[in-house]
Amino acid sequence: MRLDKFLKVSRIIKRRTVANEACDGGRVEINGRPAKAGAQVKVGDVVTLHFGDRTFKFRILVVEETVKKQDTADMYEVLTDES
């Protein structure tokens, strides 16, 4: 699954266009490397988001095309959430 789509489906970022812009702006890393929106994600990848002075780091647990809203928190494990 594409990184921007995962961010939207998991509801970490609400809209795919915003996720796409964050990726292309260099604010997203997969396993410590800068990632573009089209990068493929898989179970076990560690993703880091940088928004302003906030850093949000999580590990992907499940990759699914569609998920119910109440099940989105089960798609990833939060590692750090620093402000």
PDB file of N, CA and C in Angstrom:
ATOM      1  N   MET A   1       0.844  -1.177   0.000  1.00  0.00           N
ATOM      2  CA  MET A   1       0.000   0.000   0.000  1.00  0.00           C
ATOM      3  C   MET A   1       0.891   1.242   0.000  1.00  0.00           C
ATOM      4  N   ARG A   2       0.453   2.257  -0.701  1.00  0.00           N
ATOM      5  CA  ARG A   2       1.181   3.523  -0.738  1.00  0.00           C
ATOM      6  C   ARG A   2       1.149   4.195   0.637  1.00  0.00           C
ATOM      7  N   LEU A   3       2.208   4.912   0.946  1.00  0.00           N
ATOM      8  CA  LEU A   3       2.325   5.591   2.233  1.00  0.00           C
ATOM      9  C   LEU A   3       1.210   6.603   2.447  1.00  0.00           C
ATOM     10  N   ASP A   4       0.924   7.433   1.437  1.00  0.00           N
ATOM     11  CA  ASP A   4      -0.115   8.446   1.616  1.00  0.00           C
ATOM     12  C   ASP A   4      -1.485   7.819   1.850  1.00  0.00           C
ATOM     13  N   LYS A   5      -1.757   6.704   1.197  1.00  0.00           N
ATOM     14  CA  LYS A   5      -3.035   6.026   1.400  1.00  0.00           C
ATOM     15  C   LYS A   5      -3.107   5.410   2.795  1.00  0.00           C
ATOM     16  N   PHE A   6      -2.003   4.839   3.273  1.00  0.00           N
ATOM     17  CA  PHE A   6      -1.995   4.276   4.625  1.00  0.00           C
ATOM     18  C   PHE A   6      -2.280   5.364   5.657  1.00  0.00           C
ATOM     19  N   LEU A   7      -1.647   6.526   5.516  1.00  0.00           N
ATOM     20  CA  LEU A   7      -1.860   7.619   6.466  1.00  0.00           C
ATOM     21  C   LEU A   7      -3.319   8.056   6.494  1.00  0.00           C
ATOM     22  N   LYS A   8      -3.983   8.021   5.342  1.00  0.00           N
ATOM     23  CA  LYS A   8      -5.389   8.392   5.279  1.00  0.00           C
ATOM     24  C   LYS A   8      -6.286   7.298   5.838  1.00  0.00           C
ATOM     25  N   VAL A   9      -6.072   6.047   5.420  1.00  0.00           N
ATOM     26  CA  VAL A   9      -6.913   4.929   5.870  1.00  0.00           C
ATOM     27  C   VAL A   9      -6.813   4.754   7.385  1.00  0.00           C
ATOM     28  N   SER A  10      -5.609   4.932   7.941  1.00  0.00           N
ATOM     29  CA  SER A  10      -5.414   4.787   9.386  1.00  0.00           C
ATOM     30  C   SER A  10      -5.881   6.020  10.153  1.00  0.00           C
ATOM     31  N   ARG A  11      -6.242   7.064   9.420  1.00  0.00           N
ATOM     32  CA  ARG A  11      -6.725   8.328   9.973  1.00  0.00           C
ATOM     33  C   ARG A  11      -5.678   9.055  10.814  1.00  0.00           C
ATOM     34  N   ILE A  12      -4.413   8.802  10.525  1.00  0.00           N
ATOM     35  CA  ILE A  12      -3.348   9.578  11.150  1.00  0.00           C
ATOM     36  C   ILE A  12      -3.375  10.975  10.554  1.00  0.00           C
ATOM     37  N   ILE A  13      -3.589  11.049   9.246  1.00  0.00           N
ATOM     38  CA  ILE A  13      -3.817  12.311   8.541  1.00  0.00           C
ATOM     39  C   ILE A  13      -5.180  12.184   7.872  1.00  0.00           C
ATOM     40  N   LYS A  14      -6.020  13.185   8.025  1.00  0.00           N
ATOM     41  CA  LYS A  14      -7.420  13.077   7.614  1.00  0.00           C
ATOM     42  C   LYS A  14      -7.653  13.005   6.104  1.00  0.00           C
ATOM     43  N   ARG A  15      -6.836  13.723   5.322  1.00  0.00           N
ATOM     44  CA  ARG A  15      -7.054  13.735   3.867  1.00  0.00           C
ATOM     45  C   ARG A  15      -5.804  13.264   3.152  1.00  0.00           C
ATOM     46  N   ARG A  16      -6.022  12.549   2.048  1.00  0.00           N
ATOM     47  CA  ARG A  16      -4.898  11.997   1.302  1.00  0.00           C
ATOM     48  C   ARG A  16      -4.052  13.094   0.670  1.00  0.00           C
ATOM     49  N   THR A  17      -4.672  14.195   0.252  1.00  0.00           N
ATOM     50  CA  THR A  17      -3.891  15.281  -0.345  1.00  0.00           C
ATOM     51  C   THR A  17      -2.937  15.893   0.675  1.00  0.00           C
ATOM     52  N   VAL A  18      -3.381  15.999   1.921  1.00  0.00           N
ATOM     53  CA  VAL A  18      -2.522  16.529   2.980  1.00  0.00           C
ATOM     54  C   VAL A  18      -1.384  15.540   3.256  1.00  0.00           C
ATOM     55  N   ALA A  19      -1.701  14.257   3.259  1.00  0.00           N
ATOM     56  CA  ALA A  19      -0.679  13.223   3.453  1.00  0.00           C
ATOM     57  C   ALA A  19       0.339  13.273   2.323  1.00  0.00           C
ATOM     58  N   ASN A  20      -0.150  13.456   1.099  1.00  0.00           N
ATOM     59  CA  ASN A  20       0.715  13.540  -0.077  1.00  0.00           C
ATOM     60  C   ASN A  20       1.666  14.736   0.046  1.00  0.00           C
ATOM     61  N   GLU A  21       1.143  15.887   0.447  1.00  0.00           N
ATOM     62  CA  GLU A  21       1.956  17.093   0.599  1.00  0.00           C
ATOM     63  C   GLU A  21       3.000  16.921   1.707  1.00  0.00           C
ATOM     64  N   ALA A  22       2.627  16.266   2.813  1.00  0.00           N
ATOM     65  CA  ALA A  22       3.570  16.031   3.911  1.00  0.00           C
ATOM     66  C   ALA A  22       4.722  15.140   3.441  1.00  0.00           C
ATOM     67  N   CYS A  23       4.390  14.106   2.680  1.00  0.00           N
ATOM     68  CA  CYS A  23       5.419  13.188   2.174  1.00  0.00           C
ATOM     69  C   CYS A  23       6.354  13.902   1.202  1.00  0.00           C
ATOM     70  N   ASP A  24       5.786  14.615   0.257  1.00  0.00           N
ATOM     71  CA  ASP A  24       6.595  15.300  -0.746  1.00  0.00           C
ATOM     72  C   ASP A  24       7.378  16.465  -0.157  1.00  0.00           C
ATOM     73  N   GLY A  25       6.938  16.974   0.997  1.00  0.00           N
ATOM     74  CA  GLY A  25       7.637  18.066   1.669  1.00  0.00           C
ATOM     75  C   GLY A  25       8.786  17.589   2.542  1.00  0.00           C
ATOM     76  N   GLY A  26       9.028  16.289   2.579  1.00  0.00           N
ATOM     77  CA  GLY A  26      10.143  15.752   3.350  1.00  0.00           C
ATOM     78  C   GLY A  26       9.882  15.629   4.835  1.00  0.00           C
ATOM     79  N   ARG A  27       8.619  15.624   5.240  1.00  0.00           N
ATOM     80  CA  ARG A  27       8.285  15.547   6.665  1.00  0.00           C
ATOM     81  C   ARG A  27       7.957  14.137   7.134  1.00  0.00           C
ATOM     82  N   VAL A  28       8.119  13.144   6.243  1.00  0.00           N
ATOM     83  CA  VAL A  28       7.803  11.760   6.598  1.00  0.00           C
ATOM     84  C   VAL A  28       9.009  10.872   6.300  1.00  0.00           C
ATOM     85  N   GLU A  29       9.313   9.977   7.223  1.00  0.00           N
ATOM     86  CA  GLU A  29      10.410   9.022   7.050  1.00  0.00           C
ATOM     87  C   GLU A  29       9.887   7.614   7.287  1.00  0.00           C
ATOM     88  N   ILE A  30      10.417   6.668   6.532  1.00  0.00           N
ATOM     89  CA  ILE A  30      10.145   5.253   6.775  1.00  0.00           C
ATOM     90  C   ILE A  30      11.477   4.606   7.136  1.00  0.00           C
ATOM     91  N   ASN A  31      11.530   3.988   8.296  1.00  0.00           N
ATOM     92  CA  ASN A  31      12.743   3.322   8.787  1.00  0.00           C
ATOM     93  C   ASN A  31      13.968   4.245   8.721  1.00  0.00           C
ATOM     94  N   GLY A  32      13.755   5.530   9.054  1.00  0.00           N
ATOM     95  CA  GLY A  32      14.850   6.478   9.122  1.00  0.00           C
ATOM     96  C   GLY A  32      15.252   7.121   7.809  1.00  0.00           C
ATOM     97  N   ARG A  33      14.559   6.799   6.719  1.00  0.00           N
ATOM     98  CA  ARG A  33      14.883   7.379   5.410  1.00  0.00           C
ATOM     99  C   ARG A  33      13.716   8.222   4.917  1.00  0.00           C
ATOM    100  N   PRO A  34      13.999   9.374   4.312  1.00  0.00           N
ATOM    101  CA  PRO A  34      12.905  10.194   3.764  1.00  0.00           C
ATOM    102  C   PRO A  34      12.073   9.383   2.766  1.00  0.00           C
ATOM    103  N   ALA A  35      10.745   9.580   2.823  1.00  0.00           N
ATOM    104  CA  ALA A  35       9.855   8.788   1.979  1.00  0.00           C
ATOM    105  C   ALA A  35       8.930   9.678   1.167  1.00  0.00           C
ATOM    106  N   LYS A  36       8.701   9.292  -0.066  1.00  0.00           N
ATOM    107  CA  LYS A  36       7.740   9.970  -0.932  1.00  0.00           C
ATOM    108  C   LYS A  36       6.371   9.338  -0.729  1.00  0.00           C
ATOM    109  N   ALA A  37       5.333   9.993  -1.235  1.00  0.00           N
ATOM    110  CA  ALA A  37       3.958   9.529  -1.063  1.00  0.00           C
ATOM    111  C   ALA A  37       3.730   8.152  -1.665  1.00  0.00           C
ATOM    112  N   GLY A  38       4.428   7.823  -2.726  1.00  0.00           N
ATOM    113  CA  GLY A  38       4.229   6.551  -3.408  1.00  0.00           C
ATOM    114  C   GLY A  38       5.022   5.402  -2.831  1.00  0.00           C
ATOM    115  N   ALA A  39       5.775   5.641  -1.775  1.00  0.00           N
ATOM    116  CA  ALA A  39       6.573   4.570  -1.163  1.00  0.00           C
ATOM    117  C   ALA A  39       5.649   3.497  -0.618  1.00  0.00           C
ATOM    118  N   GLN A  40       6.038   2.244  -0.823  1.00  0.00           N
ATOM    119  CA  GLN A  40       5.238   1.118  -0.335  1.00  0.00           C
ATOM    120  C   GLN A  40       5.548   0.866   1.142  1.00  0.00           C
ATOM    121  N   VAL A  41       4.485   0.686   1.938  1.00  0.00           N
ATOM    122  CA  VAL A  41       4.658   0.369   3.348  1.00  0.00           C
ATOM    123  C   VAL A  41       4.261  -1.078   3.590  1.00  0.00           C
ATOM    124  N   LYS A  42       4.861  -1.674   4.610  1.00  0.00           N
ATOM    125  CA  LYS A  42       4.529  -3.052   4.961  1.00  0.00           C
ATOM    126  C   LYS A  42       4.520  -3.181   6.480  1.00  0.00           C
ATOM    127  N   VAL A  43       4.007  -4.275   6.962  1.00  0.00           N
ATOM    128  CA  VAL A  43       3.944  -4.528   8.397  1.00  0.00           C
ATOM    129  C   VAL A  43       5.365  -4.526   8.962  1.00  0.00           C
ATOM    130  N   GLY A  44       5.547  -3.817  10.070  1.00  0.00           N
ATOM    131  CA  GLY A  44       6.848  -3.739  10.719  1.00  0.00           C
ATOM    132  C   GLY A  44       7.609  -2.464  10.422  1.00  0.00           C
ATOM    133  N   ASP A  45       7.210  -1.715   9.396  1.00  0.00           N
ATOM    134  CA  ASP A  45       7.884  -0.449   9.087  1.00  0.00           C
ATOM    135  C   ASP A  45       7.663   0.551  10.216  1.00  0.00           C
ATOM    136  N   VAL A  46       8.693   1.351  10.488  1.00  0.00           N
ATOM    137  CA  VAL A  46       8.599   2.422  11.482  1.00  0.00           C
ATOM    138  C   VAL A  46       8.530   3.742  10.715  1.00  0.00           C
ATOM    139  N   VAL A  47       7.441   4.474  10.931  1.00  0.00           N
ATOM    140  CA  VAL A  47       7.198   5.727  10.215  1.00  0.00           C
ATOM    141  C   VAL A  47       7.313   6.885  11.206  1.00  0.00           C
ATOM    142  N   THR A  48       7.989   7.951  10.781  1.00  0.00           N
ATOM    143  CA  THR A  48       8.140   9.145  11.603  1.00  0.00           C
ATOM    144  C   THR A  48       7.563  10.337  10.854  1.00  0.00           C
ATOM    145  N   LEU A  49       6.675  11.079  11.508  1.00  0.00           N
ATOM    146  CA  LEU A  49       6.077  12.292  10.944  1.00  0.00           C
ATOM    147  C   LEU A  49       6.615  13.499  11.701  1.00  0.00           C
ATOM    148  N   HIS A  50       7.007  14.542  10.967  1.00  0.00           N
ATOM    149  CA  HIS A  50       7.478  15.792  11.568  1.00  0.00           C
ATOM    150  C   HIS A  50       6.520  16.910  11.162  1.00  0.00           C
ATOM    151  N   PHE A  51       5.784  17.448  12.134  1.00  0.00           N
ATOM    152  CA  PHE A  51       4.896  18.580  11.885  1.00  0.00           C
ATOM    153  C   PHE A  51       5.253  19.685  12.849  1.00  0.00           C
ATOM    154  N   GLY A  52       5.858  20.747  12.325  1.00  0.00           N
ATOM    155  CA  GLY A  52       6.295  21.841  13.188  1.00  0.00           C
ATOM    156  C   GLY A  52       7.285  21.332  14.210  1.00  0.00           C
ATOM    157  N   ASP A  53       6.976  21.519  15.492  1.00  0.00           N
ATOM    158  CA  ASP A  53       7.870  21.036  16.546  1.00  0.00           C
ATOM    159  C   ASP A  53       7.418  19.687  17.098  1.00  0.00           C
ATOM    160  N   ARG A  54       6.428  19.071  16.462  1.00  0.00           N
ATOM    161  CA  ARG A  54       5.901  17.784  16.910  1.00  0.00           C
ATOM    162  C   ARG A  54       6.486  16.641  16.085  1.00  0.00           C
ATOM    163  N   THR A  55       6.880  15.567  16.767  1.00  0.00           N
ATOM    164  CA  THR A  55       7.372  14.364  16.107  1.00  0.00           C
ATOM    165  C   THR A  55       6.515  13.189  16.554  1.00  0.00           C
ATOM    166  N   PHE A  56       5.954  12.476  15.580  1.00  0.00           N
ATOM    167  CA  PHE A  56       5.077  11.336  15.853  1.00  0.00           C
ATOM    168  C   PHE A  56       5.666  10.117  15.173  1.00  0.00           C
ATOM    169  N   LYS A  57       6.029   9.115  15.986  1.00  0.00           N
ATOM    170  CA  LYS A  57       6.687   7.923  15.459  1.00  0.00           C
ATOM    171  C   LYS A  57       5.836   6.702  15.790  1.00  0.00           C
ATOM    172  N   PHE A  58       5.586   5.858  14.779  1.00  0.00           N
ATOM    173  CA  PHE A  58       4.759   4.672  15.002  1.00  0.00           C
ATOM    174  C   PHE A  58       5.234   3.502  14.155  1.00  0.00           C
ATOM    175  N   ARG A  59       4.831   2.288  14.585  1.00  0.00           N
ATOM    176  CA  ARG A  59       5.148   1.055  13.858  1.00  0.00           C
ATOM    177  C   ARG A  59       3.854   0.529  13.239  1.00  0.00           C
ATOM    178  N   ILE A  60       3.927   0.140  11.977  1.00  0.00           N
ATOM    179  CA  ILE A  60       2.764  -0.390  11.269  1.00  0.00           C
ATOM    180  C   ILE A  60       2.532  -1.836  11.699  1.00  0.00           C
ATOM    181  N   LEU A  61       1.295  -2.124  12.134  1.00  0.00           N
ATOM    182  CA  LEU A  61       0.924  -3.472  12.561  1.00  0.00           C
ATOM    183  C   LEU A  61       0.047  -4.187  11.542  1.00  0.00           C
ATOM    184  N   VAL A  62      -0.806  -3.443  10.852  1.00  0.00           N
ATOM    185  CA  VAL A  62      -1.748  -4.016   9.884  1.00  0.00           C
ATOM    186  C   VAL A  62      -1.821  -3.103   8.670  1.00  0.00           C
ATOM    187  N   VAL A  63      -1.831  -3.703   7.480  1.00  0.00           N
ATOM    188  CA  VAL A  63      -2.009  -2.938   6.246  1.00  0.00           C
ATOM    189  C   VAL A  63      -3.264  -3.474   5.557  1.00  0.00           C
ATOM    190  N   GLU A  64      -4.341  -2.675   5.565  1.00  0.00           N
ATOM    191  CA  GLU A  64      -5.595  -3.059   4.931  1.00  0.00           C
ATOM    192  C   GLU A  64      -6.125  -1.887   4.116  1.00  0.00           C
ATOM    193  N   GLU A  65      -6.828  -2.216   3.022  1.00  0.00           N
ATOM    194  CA  GLU A  65      -7.369  -1.183   2.132  1.00  0.00           C
ATOM    195  C   GLU A  65      -8.496  -0.383   2.785  1.00  0.00           C
ATOM    196  N   THR A  66      -9.367  -1.064   3.520  1.00  0.00           N
ATOM    197  CA  THR A  66     -10.481  -0.384   4.187  1.00  0.00           C
ATOM    198  C   THR A  66     -10.561  -0.863   5.628  1.00  0.00           C
ATOM    199  N   VAL A  67     -10.850   0.072   6.525  1.00  0.00           N
ATOM    200  CA  VAL A  67     -10.925  -0.236   7.947  1.00  0.00           C
ATOM    201  C   VAL A  67     -12.037   0.605   8.556  1.00  0.00           C
ATOM    202  N   LYS A  68     -12.793   0.016   9.480  1.00  0.00           N
ATOM    203  CA  LYS A  68     -13.817   0.777  10.189  1.00  0.00           C
ATOM    204  C   LYS A  68     -13.138   1.784  11.111  1.00  0.00           C
ATOM    205  N   LYS A  69     -13.812   2.889  11.340  1.00  0.00           N
ATOM    206  CA  LYS A  69     -13.226   3.979  12.126  1.00  0.00           C
ATOM    207  C   LYS A  69     -12.761   3.521  13.503  1.00  0.00           C
ATOM    208  N   GLN A  70     -13.536   2.670  14.159  1.00  0.00           N
ATOM    209  CA  GLN A  70     -13.167   2.231  15.507  1.00  0.00           C
ATOM    210  C   GLN A  70     -11.979   1.263  15.515  1.00  0.00           C
ATOM    211  N   ASP A  71     -11.606   0.712  14.349  1.00  0.00           N
ATOM    212  CA  ASP A  71     -10.492  -0.237  14.279  1.00  0.00           C
ATOM    213  C   ASP A  71      -9.186   0.392  13.794  1.00  0.00           C
ATOM    214  N   THR A  72      -9.184   1.684  13.513  1.00  0.00           N
ATOM    215  CA  THR A  72      -7.981   2.311  12.953  1.00  0.00           C
ATOM    216  C   THR A  72      -6.813   2.332  13.934  1.00  0.00           C
ATOM    217  N   ALA A  73      -7.087   2.421  15.213  1.00  0.00           N
ATOM    218  CA  ALA A  73      -6.010   2.455  16.208  1.00  0.00           C
ATOM    219  C   ALA A  73      -5.244   1.136  16.266  1.00  0.00           C
ATOM    220  N   ASP A  74      -5.853   0.052  15.775  1.00  0.00           N
ATOM    221  CA  ASP A  74      -5.195  -1.257  15.767  1.00  0.00           C
ATOM    222  C   ASP A  74      -4.234  -1.407  14.592  1.00  0.00           C
ATOM    223  N   MET A  75      -4.192  -0.428  13.686  1.00  0.00           N
ATOM    224  CA  MET A  75      -3.337  -0.515  12.501  1.00  0.00           C
ATOM    225  C   MET A  75      -1.888  -0.145  12.809  1.00  0.00           C
ATOM    226  N   TYR A  76      -1.657   0.563  13.915  1.00  0.00           N
ATOM    227  CA  TYR A  76      -0.306   1.026  14.233  1.00  0.00           C
ATOM    228  C   TYR A  76      -0.102   1.070  15.740  1.00  0.00           C
ATOM    229  N   GLU A  77       1.168   1.060  16.137  1.00  0.00           N
ATOM    230  CA  GLU A  77       1.564   1.156  17.534  1.00  0.00           C
ATOM    231  C   GLU A  77       2.387   2.435  17.694  1.00  0.00           C
ATOM    232  N   VAL A  78       1.957   3.323  18.571  1.00  0.00           N
ATOM    233  CA  VAL A  78       2.661   4.577  18.798  1.00  0.00           C
ATOM    234  C   VAL A  78       3.951   4.295  19.572  1.00  0.00           C
ATOM    235  N   LEU A  79       5.062   4.749  19.020  1.00  0.00           N
ATOM    236  CA  LEU A  79       6.350   4.588  19.684  1.00  0.00           C
ATOM    237  C   LEU A  79       6.718   5.842  20.474  1.00  0.00           C
ATOM    238  N   THR A  80       6.612   7.014  19.820  1.00  0.00           N
ATOM    239  CA  THR A  80       6.826   8.290  20.532  1.00  0.00           C
ATOM    240  C   THR A  80       5.890   9.336  19.948  1.00  0.00           C
ATOM    241  N   ASP A  81       5.494  10.268  20.799  1.00  0.00           N
ATOM    242  CA  ASP A  81       4.669  11.403  20.390  1.00  0.00           C
ATOM    243  C   ASP A  81       5.174  12.604  21.163  1.00  0.00           C
ATOM    244  N   GLU A  82       6.164  13.301  20.582  1.00  0.00           N
ATOM    245  CA  GLU A  82       6.841  14.397  21.268  1.00  0.00           C
ATOM    246  C   GLU A  82       6.405  15.745  20.726  1.00  0.00           C
ATOM    247  N   SER A  83       6.245  16.687  21.623  1.00  0.00           N
ATOM    248  CA  SER A  83       5.902  18.047  21.199  1.00  0.00           C
ATOM    249  C   SER A  83       7.089  18.953  21.326  1.00  0.00           C
TER     250      SER A  83
END
